[in-house]
C-alpha atoms as a PDB file:
ATOM      1  CA  MET A   1     141.418  90.472 109.803  1.00  0.00           C
ATOM      2  CA  ARG A   2     140.342  93.360 111.976  1.00  0.00           C
ATOM      3  CA  GLY A   3     140.239  92.445 115.619  1.00  0.00           C
ATOM      4  CA  THR A   4     137.591  89.780 116.027  1.00  0.00           C
ATOM      5  CA  ARG A   5     135.797  90.381 112.720  1.00  0.00           C
ATOM      6  CA  PHE A   6     137.043  88.601 109.634  1.00  0.00           C
ATOM      7  CA  ILE A   7     135.862  89.884 106.253  1.00  0.00           C
ATOM      8  CA  PRO A   8     136.646  87.622 103.267  1.00  0.00           C
ATOM      9  CA  TYR A   9     137.839  90.346 100.888  1.00  0.00           C
ATOM     10  CA  LEU A  10     139.715  87.900  98.673  1.00  0.00           C
ATOM     11  CA  SER A  11     136.553  85.850  98.137  1.00  0.00           C
ATOM     12  CA  TYR A  12     134.611  88.982  97.218  1.00  0.00           C
ATOM     13  CA  ILE A  13     137.292  89.892  94.677  1.00  0.00           C
ATOM     14  CA  GLY A  14     137.169  86.301  93.390  1.00  0.00           C
ATOM     15  CA  PHE A  15     133.392  86.551  92.919  1.00  0.00           C
ATOM     16  CA  GLY A  16     133.954  89.718  90.893  1.00  0.00           C
ATOM     17  CA  LEU A  17     136.601  88.039  88.760  1.00  0.00           C
ATOM     18  CA  ALA A  18     134.342  85.047  88.152  1.00  0.00           C
ATOM     19  CA  ALA A  19     131.481  87.347  87.129  1.00  0.00           C
ATOM     20  CA  LEU A  20     133.794  89.264  84.781  1.00  0.00           C
ATOM     21  CA  THR A  21     134.985  85.991  83.254  1.00  0.00           C
ATOM     22  CA  ILE A  22     131.430  84.814  82.675  1.00  0.00           C
ATOM     23  CA  MET A  23     130.474  88.135  81.041  1.00  0.00           C
ATOM     24  CA  VAL A  24     133.500  87.996  78.711  1.00  0.00           C
ATOM     25  CA  HIS A  25     132.707  84.399  77.807  1.00  0.00           C
ATOM     26  CA  PHE A  26     129.081  85.193  76.977  1.00  0.00           C
ATOM     27  CA  SER A  27     130.059  88.247  74.945  1.00  0.00           C
ATOM     28  CA  PHE A  28     132.543  86.091  73.011  1.00  0.00           C
ATOM     29  CA  ARG A  29     129.866  83.474  72.296  1.00  0.00           C
ATOM     30  CA  TRP A  30     127.379  86.173  71.335  1.00  0.00           C
ATOM     31  CA  GLY A  31     129.980  87.775  69.060  1.00  0.00           C
ATOM     32  CA  ILE A  32     130.445  84.482  67.244  1.00  0.00           C
ATOM     33  CA  GLU A  33     126.695  84.157  66.707  1.00  0.00           C
ATOM     34  CA  GLN A  34     126.398  87.751  65.478  1.00  0.00           C
ATOM     35  CA  GLY A  35     129.333  87.410  63.082  1.00  0.00           C
ATOM     36  CA  TRP A  36     131.565  90.113  64.535  1.00  0.00           C
ATOM     37  CA  ASP A  37     134.886  91.072  62.990  1.00  0.00           C
ATOM     38  CA  MET A  38     137.563  88.393  63.334  1.00  0.00           C
ATOM     39  CA  GLY A  39     140.003  90.753  65.075  1.00  0.00           C
ATOM     40  CA  ILE A  40     137.531  91.566  67.838  1.00  0.00           C
ATOM     41  CA  LEU A  41     136.723  87.885  68.247  1.00  0.00           C
ATOM     42  CA  MET A  42     140.417  87.075  68.561  1.00  0.00           C
ATOM     43  CA  LEU A  43     140.847  89.742  71.240  1.00  0.00           C
ATOM     44  CA  LEU A  44     137.785  88.463  73.100  1.00  0.00           C
ATOM     45  CA  SER A  45     139.093  84.900  72.843  1.00  0.00           C
ATOM     46  CA  VAL A  46     142.456  85.875  74.316  1.00  0.00           C
ATOM     47  CA  PHE A  47     140.820  87.958  77.051  1.00  0.00           C
ATOM     48  CA  ASN A  48     138.436  85.078  77.785  1.00  0.00           C
ATOM     49  CA  ALA A  49     141.280  82.588  78.167  1.00  0.00           C
ATOM     50  CA  ALA A  50     143.416  85.002  80.191  1.00  0.00           C
ATOM     51  CA  SER A  51     140.557  85.834  82.544  1.00  0.00           C
ATOM     52  CA  LEU A  52     139.793  82.124  83.012  1.00  0.00           C
ATOM     53  CA  LEU A  53     143.375  81.384  83.957  1.00  0.00           C
ATOM     54  CA  PHE A  54     143.759  84.484  86.138  1.00  0.00           C
ATOM     55  CA  THR A  55     140.597  83.611  88.030  1.00  0.00           C
ATOM     56  CA  LEU A  56     141.897  80.082  88.565  1.00  0.00           C
ATOM     57  CA  PHE A  57     145.218  81.453  89.824  1.00  0.00           C
ATOM     58  CA  TRP A  58     143.276  83.757  92.159  1.00  0.00           C
ATOM     59  CA  GLY A  59     141.917  80.574  93.709  1.00  0.00           C
ATOM     60  CA  VAL A  60     145.251  80.208  95.513  1.00  0.00           C
ATOM     61  CA  PHE A  61     144.283  83.290  97.516  1.00  0.00           C
ATOM     62  CA  GLY A  62     140.890  81.731  98.182  1.00  0.00           C
ATOM     63  CA  VAL A  63     142.543  78.640  99.639  1.00  0.00           C
ATOM     64  CA  LEU A  64     144.879  80.789 101.744  1.00  0.00           C
ATOM     65  CA  GLU A  65     141.903  82.768 102.977  1.00  0.00           C
ATOM     66  CA  PHE A  66     140.172  79.510 103.922  1.00  0.00           C
ATOM     67  CA  ALA A  67     143.222  78.584 105.993  1.00  0.00           C
ATOM     68  CA  LEU A  68     143.128  81.998 107.713  1.00  0.00           C
ATOM     69  CA  ILE A  69     139.438  81.631 108.505  1.00  0.00           C
ATOM     70  CA  TRP A  70     140.023  78.133 109.865  1.00  0.00           C
ATOM     71  CA  LYS A  71     142.872  79.407 112.026  1.00  0.00           C
ATOM     72  CA  GLN A  72     140.677  82.255 113.303  1.00  0.00           C
ATOM     73  CA  ASN A  73     137.984  79.702 114.223  1.00  0.00           C
ATOM     74  CA  GLN A  74     140.521  77.635 116.152  1.00  0.00           C
ATOM     75  CA  ARG A  75     141.793  80.753 117.945  1.00  0.00           C
ATOM     76  CA  ILE A  76     138.288  81.758 119.017  1.00  0.00           C
ATOM     77  CA  ASN A  77     137.516  78.267 120.311  1.00  0.00           C
ATOM     78  CA  PHE A  78     140.825  78.151 122.196  1.00  0.00           C
ATOM     79  CA  ARG A  79     140.139  81.524 123.822  1.00  0.00           C
ATOM     80  CA  ALA A  80     136.658  80.342 124.825  1.00  0.00           C
ATOM     81  CA  ARG A  81     138.000  77.134 126.394  1.00  0.00           C
ATOM     82  CA  ARG A  82     140.636  79.133 128.247  1.00  0.00           C
ATOM     83  CA  GLY A  83     137.976  81.512 129.553  1.00  0.00           C
ATOM     84  CA  ALA A  84     139.330  84.651 127.887  1.00  0.00           C
ATOM     85  CA  ILE A  85     135.928  85.460 126.337  1.00  0.00           C
ATOM     86  CA  ASP A  86     132.422  84.871 127.619  1.00  0.00           C
ATOM     87  CA  ALA A  87     129.818  82.650 125.947  1.00  0.00           C
ATOM     88  CA  GLU A  88     127.921  85.531 124.306  1.00  0.00           C
ATOM     89  CA  GLU A  89     131.061  86.993 122.745  1.00  0.00           C
ATOM     90  CA  HIS A  90     132.124  83.497 121.651  1.00  0.00           C
ATOM     91  CA  ALA A  91     128.781  82.926 119.918  1.00  0.00           C
ATOM     92  CA  ARG A  92     128.998  86.301 118.139  1.00  0.00           C
ATOM     93  CA  GLN A  93     132.532  85.698 116.923  1.00  0.00           C
ATOM     94  CA  ILE A  94     131.761  82.151 115.782  1.00  0.00           C
ATOM     95  CA  ARG A  95     128.724  83.433 113.875  1.00  0.00           C
ATOM     96  CA  ASN A  96     130.953  85.953 112.056  1.00  0.00           C
ATOM     97  CA  VAL A  97     133.528  83.286 111.252  1.00  0.00           C
ATOM     98  CA  LYS A  98     130.830  80.896 109.968  1.00  0.00           C
ATOM     99  CA  ARG A  99     129.462  83.617 107.682  1.00  0.00           C
ATOM    100  CA  SER A 100     132.950  84.210 106.301  1.00  0.00           C
ATOM    101  CA  MET A 101     133.456  80.467 105.917  1.00  0.00           C
ATOM    102  CA  ILE A 102     130.206  80.109 103.943  1.00  0.00           C
ATOM    103  CA  ILE A 103     131.217  82.943 101.608  1.00  0.00           C
ATOM    104  CA  ASN A 104     134.678  81.471 101.102  1.00  0.00           C
ATOM    105  CA  ILE A 105     133.460  77.918 100.518  1.00  0.00           C
ATOM    106  CA  SER A 106     130.861  79.106  98.000  1.00  0.00           C
ATOM    107  CA  TYR A 107     133.646  80.941  96.154  1.00  0.00           C
ATOM    108  CA  LEU A 108     135.773  77.790  96.162  1.00  0.00           C
ATOM    109  CA  VAL A 109     132.834  75.753  94.775  1.00  0.00           C
ATOM    110  CA  ILE A 110     132.434  78.264  91.935  1.00  0.00           C
ATOM    111  CA  LEU A 111     136.168  78.008  91.354  1.00  0.00           C
ATOM    112  CA  LEU A 112     135.981  74.212  91.153  1.00  0.00           C
ATOM    113  CA  CYS A 113     133.138  74.465  88.624  1.00  0.00           C
ATOM    114  CA  GLN A 114     135.245  76.846  86.569  1.00  0.00           C
ATOM    115  CA  LEU A 115     138.220  74.488  86.784  1.00  0.00           C
ATOM    116  CA  GLY A 116     136.002  71.671  85.527  1.00  0.00           C
ATOM    117  CA  TYR A 117     134.897  73.865  82.619  1.00  0.00           C
ATOM    118  CA  VAL A 118     138.512  74.632  81.728  1.00  0.00           C
ATOM    119  CA  ILE A 119     139.471  70.957  81.861  1.00  0.00           C
ATOM    120  CA  LEU A 120     136.491  69.827  79.768  1.00  0.00           C
ATOM    121  CA  ASN A 121     136.918  72.594  77.166  1.00  0.00           C
ATOM    122  CA  TRP A 122     140.692  72.787  77.035  1.00  0.00           C
ATOM    123  CA  ASP A 123     140.755  72.624  73.230  1.00  0.00           C
ATOM    124  CA  GLU A 124     138.616  75.798  72.971  1.00  0.00           C
ATOM    125  CA  ILE A 125     140.761  77.859  75.325  1.00  0.00           C
ATOM    126  CA  ASP A 126     143.611  79.387  73.337  1.00  0.00           C
ATOM    127  CA  ILE A 127     146.195  81.797  74.651  1.00  0.00           C
END
């Protein structure tokens, strides 16, 4: 949080981790279809499972960031009711918080989809 502008850095990192996980998963599947060496496939399988679990653990930071954004929203509304900021500044700050909230919630939805994938395909994920 910088002043009145909240940037959801943890969600951006989570999007990157999710994209990396998807790329590793597709390369593992493609390697199976192409008949790659078993050692490389084992390494890709382990890296696939580790990246899936690490991304899911990173979701804790996404939930904490959601709580921070929610708290920032409450703070802005409290300051507006108290009269510490004018209506134009309140609208600008709320717009920034809503943008951050949308980014964070979309990351959490992707995380829930990934959690569902892990639960449904638990027998394929080997560490």
